[in-house]
């Protein structure tokens, strides 16, 4: 079954990009003033978020698991928010 820009609902996905986006989302919430190395160039966190956001927009093409990227960054940001509020380790 094919649903336009969503692609084939029976296709599989492999890779770690969703997990990388989750780490980035958590980092953006936990350390918003941190400088991130984008290849050899240090960049402030807001610039890194803009780059990741533009990458998310560009991956809305068939054959790319954009839902994994979006789900990863949202899950990471939610986890970062949870940890930042101190609600972990049974608190």
C-alpha atoms as a PDB file:
ATOM      1  CA  UNK A   1       0.000   0.000   0.000  1.00  0.00           C
ATOM      2  CA  UNK A   2       1.323   3.412  -0.908  1.00  0.00           C
ATOM      3  CA  UNK A   3       0.140   6.633   0.737  1.00  0.00           C
ATOM      4  CA  UNK A   4       1.720   9.443  -1.285  1.00  0.00           C
ATOM      5  CA  UNK A   5       4.450  11.233   0.643  1.00  0.00           C
ATOM      6  CA  UNK A   6       4.151   8.743   3.516  1.00  0.00           C
ATOM      7  CA  UNK A   7       5.562   5.970   1.347  1.00  0.00           C
ATOM      8  CA  UNK A   8       4.856   2.276   1.649  1.00  0.00           C
ATOM      9  CA  UNK A   9       3.318   1.354   5.007  1.00  0.00           C
ATOM     10  CA  UNK A  10       4.826  -2.132   4.831  1.00  0.00           C
ATOM     11  CA  UNK A  11       8.424  -1.021   4.383  1.00  0.00           C
ATOM     12  CA  UNK A  12      11.031  -1.425   7.072  1.00  0.00           C
ATOM     13  CA  UNK A  13      13.689   0.970   8.265  1.00  0.00           C
ATOM     14  CA  UNK A  14      17.185   0.466   9.550  1.00  0.00           C
ATOM     15  CA  UNK A  15      19.644   2.898  11.041  1.00  0.00           C
ATOM     16  CA  UNK A  16      20.443   4.926  14.110  1.00  0.00           C
ATOM     17  CA  UNK A  17      19.404   8.386  12.939  1.00  0.00           C
ATOM     18  CA  UNK A  18      16.270   8.405  15.122  1.00  0.00           C
ATOM     19  CA  UNK A  19      18.442   7.733  18.170  1.00  0.00           C
ATOM     20  CA  UNK A  20      20.890  10.460  17.124  1.00  0.00           C
ATOM     21  CA  UNK A  21      17.988  12.910  16.829  1.00  0.00           C
ATOM     22  CA  UNK A  22      16.786  11.818  20.300  1.00  0.00           C
ATOM     23  CA  UNK A  23      20.187  12.587  21.772  1.00  0.00           C
ATOM     24  CA  UNK A  24      20.161  15.962  20.038  1.00  0.00           C
ATOM     25  CA  UNK A  25      16.685  16.768  21.352  1.00  0.00           C
ATOM     26  CA  UNK A  26      17.684  15.900  24.915  1.00  0.00           C
ATOM     27  CA  UNK A  27      20.895  17.910  24.592  1.00  0.00           C
ATOM     28  CA  UNK A  28      18.993  20.955  23.317  1.00  0.00           C
ATOM     29  CA  UNK A  29      16.752  20.896  26.402  1.00  0.00           C
ATOM     30  CA  UNK A  30      19.398  19.994  28.989  1.00  0.00           C
ATOM     31  CA  UNK A  31      22.205  22.278  27.754  1.00  0.00           C
ATOM     32  CA  UNK A  32      20.697  25.104  25.664  1.00  0.00           C
ATOM     33  CA  UNK A  33      23.808  27.340  26.007  1.00  0.00           C
ATOM     34  CA  UNK A  34      26.274  24.627  24.945  1.00  0.00           C
ATOM     35  CA  UNK A  35      28.366  24.914  21.785  1.00  0.00           C
ATOM     36  CA  UNK A  36      28.023  21.920  19.464  1.00  0.00           C
ATOM     37  CA  UNK A  37      30.696  20.745  17.039  1.00  0.00           C
ATOM     38  CA  UNK A  38      29.213  20.527  13.541  1.00  0.00           C
ATOM     39  CA  UNK A  39      32.061  18.762  11.838  1.00  0.00           C
ATOM     40  CA  UNK A  40      35.090  20.912  12.746  1.00  0.00           C
ATOM     41  CA  UNK A  41      33.074  24.110  13.374  1.00  0.00           C
ATOM     42  CA  UNK A  42      31.757  24.981  16.870  1.00  0.00           C
ATOM     43  CA  UNK A  43      28.193  26.285  16.648  1.00  0.00           C
ATOM     44  CA  UNK A  44      25.793  27.611  19.303  1.00  0.00           C
ATOM     45  CA  UNK A  45      22.856  25.395  20.204  1.00  0.00           C
ATOM     46  CA  UNK A  46      20.208  27.615  18.470  1.00  0.00           C
ATOM     47  CA  UNK A  47      22.094  27.264  15.169  1.00  0.00           C
ATOM     48  CA  UNK A  48      22.325  23.498  15.663  1.00  0.00           C
ATOM     49  CA  UNK A  49      18.565  23.355  16.289  1.00  0.00           C
ATOM     50  CA  UNK A  50      17.954  25.336  13.073  1.00  0.00           C
ATOM     51  CA  UNK A  51      20.168  22.922  11.116  1.00  0.00           C
ATOM     52  CA  UNK A  52      18.375  19.883  12.554  1.00  0.00           C
ATOM     53  CA  UNK A  53      14.985  21.502  11.882  1.00  0.00           C
ATOM     54  CA  UNK A  54      15.886  22.179   8.275  1.00  0.00           C
ATOM     55  CA  UNK A  55      17.099  18.598   7.932  1.00  0.00           C
ATOM     56  CA  UNK A  56      13.719  17.392   9.213  1.00  0.00           C
ATOM     57  CA  UNK A  57      11.933  19.465   6.583  1.00  0.00           C
ATOM     58  CA  UNK A  58      14.218  18.205   3.826  1.00  0.00           C
ATOM     59  CA  UNK A  59      13.593  14.555   4.737  1.00  0.00           C
ATOM     60  CA  UNK A  60       9.874  14.671   3.872  1.00  0.00           C
ATOM     61  CA  UNK A  61      10.612  12.629   0.757  1.00  0.00           C
ATOM     62  CA  UNK A  62       9.793   8.982   0.025  1.00  0.00           C
ATOM     63  CA  UNK A  63      12.439   6.530   1.120  1.00  0.00           C
ATOM     64  CA  UNK A  64      13.573   8.548   4.145  1.00  0.00           C
ATOM     65  CA  UNK A  65      12.270   7.644   7.599  1.00  0.00           C
ATOM     66  CA  UNK A  66      11.320  11.214   8.531  1.00  0.00           C
ATOM     67  CA  UNK A  67       8.926   9.881  11.138  1.00  0.00           C
ATOM     68  CA  UNK A  68      11.855   8.251  12.940  1.00  0.00           C
ATOM     69  CA  UNK A  69      13.744  11.551  12.880  1.00  0.00           C
ATOM     70  CA  UNK A  70      10.763  13.555  14.115  1.00  0.00           C
ATOM     71  CA  UNK A  71       9.848  10.958  16.736  1.00  0.00           C
ATOM     72  CA  UNK A  72      13.448  10.800  17.901  1.00  0.00           C
ATOM     73  CA  UNK A  73      13.837  14.524  18.422  1.00  0.00           C
ATOM     74  CA  UNK A  74      10.451  14.855  20.148  1.00  0.00           C
ATOM     75  CA  UNK A  75      11.143  11.883  22.430  1.00  0.00           C
ATOM     76  CA  UNK A  76      14.608  13.207  23.263  1.00  0.00           C
ATOM     77  CA  UNK A  77      13.262  16.677  24.042  1.00  0.00           C
ATOM     78  CA  UNK A  78      10.548  15.183  26.262  1.00  0.00           C
ATOM     79  CA  UNK A  79      13.102  13.024  28.078  1.00  0.00           C
ATOM     80  CA  UNK A  80      15.397  16.039  28.533  1.00  0.00           C
ATOM     81  CA  UNK A  81      12.514  18.049  29.949  1.00  0.00           C
ATOM     82  CA  UNK A  82      11.667  15.163  32.313  1.00  0.00           C
ATOM     83  CA  UNK A  83      15.273  14.860  33.541  1.00  0.00           C
ATOM     84  CA  UNK A  84      15.679  18.607  33.847  1.00  0.00           C
ATOM     85  CA  UNK A  85      12.712  18.833  36.194  1.00  0.00           C
ATOM     86  CA  UNK A  86      14.338  16.205  38.466  1.00  0.00           C
ATOM     87  CA  UNK A  87      11.680  13.526  38.066  1.00  0.00           C
ATOM     88  CA  UNK A  88      13.942  10.556  37.617  1.00  0.00           C
ATOM     89  CA  UNK A  89      15.281   7.771  39.837  1.00  0.00           C
ATOM     90  CA  UNK A  90      11.906   7.349  41.509  1.00  0.00           C
ATOM     91  CA  UNK A  91      11.452  10.988  42.611  1.00  0.00           C
END
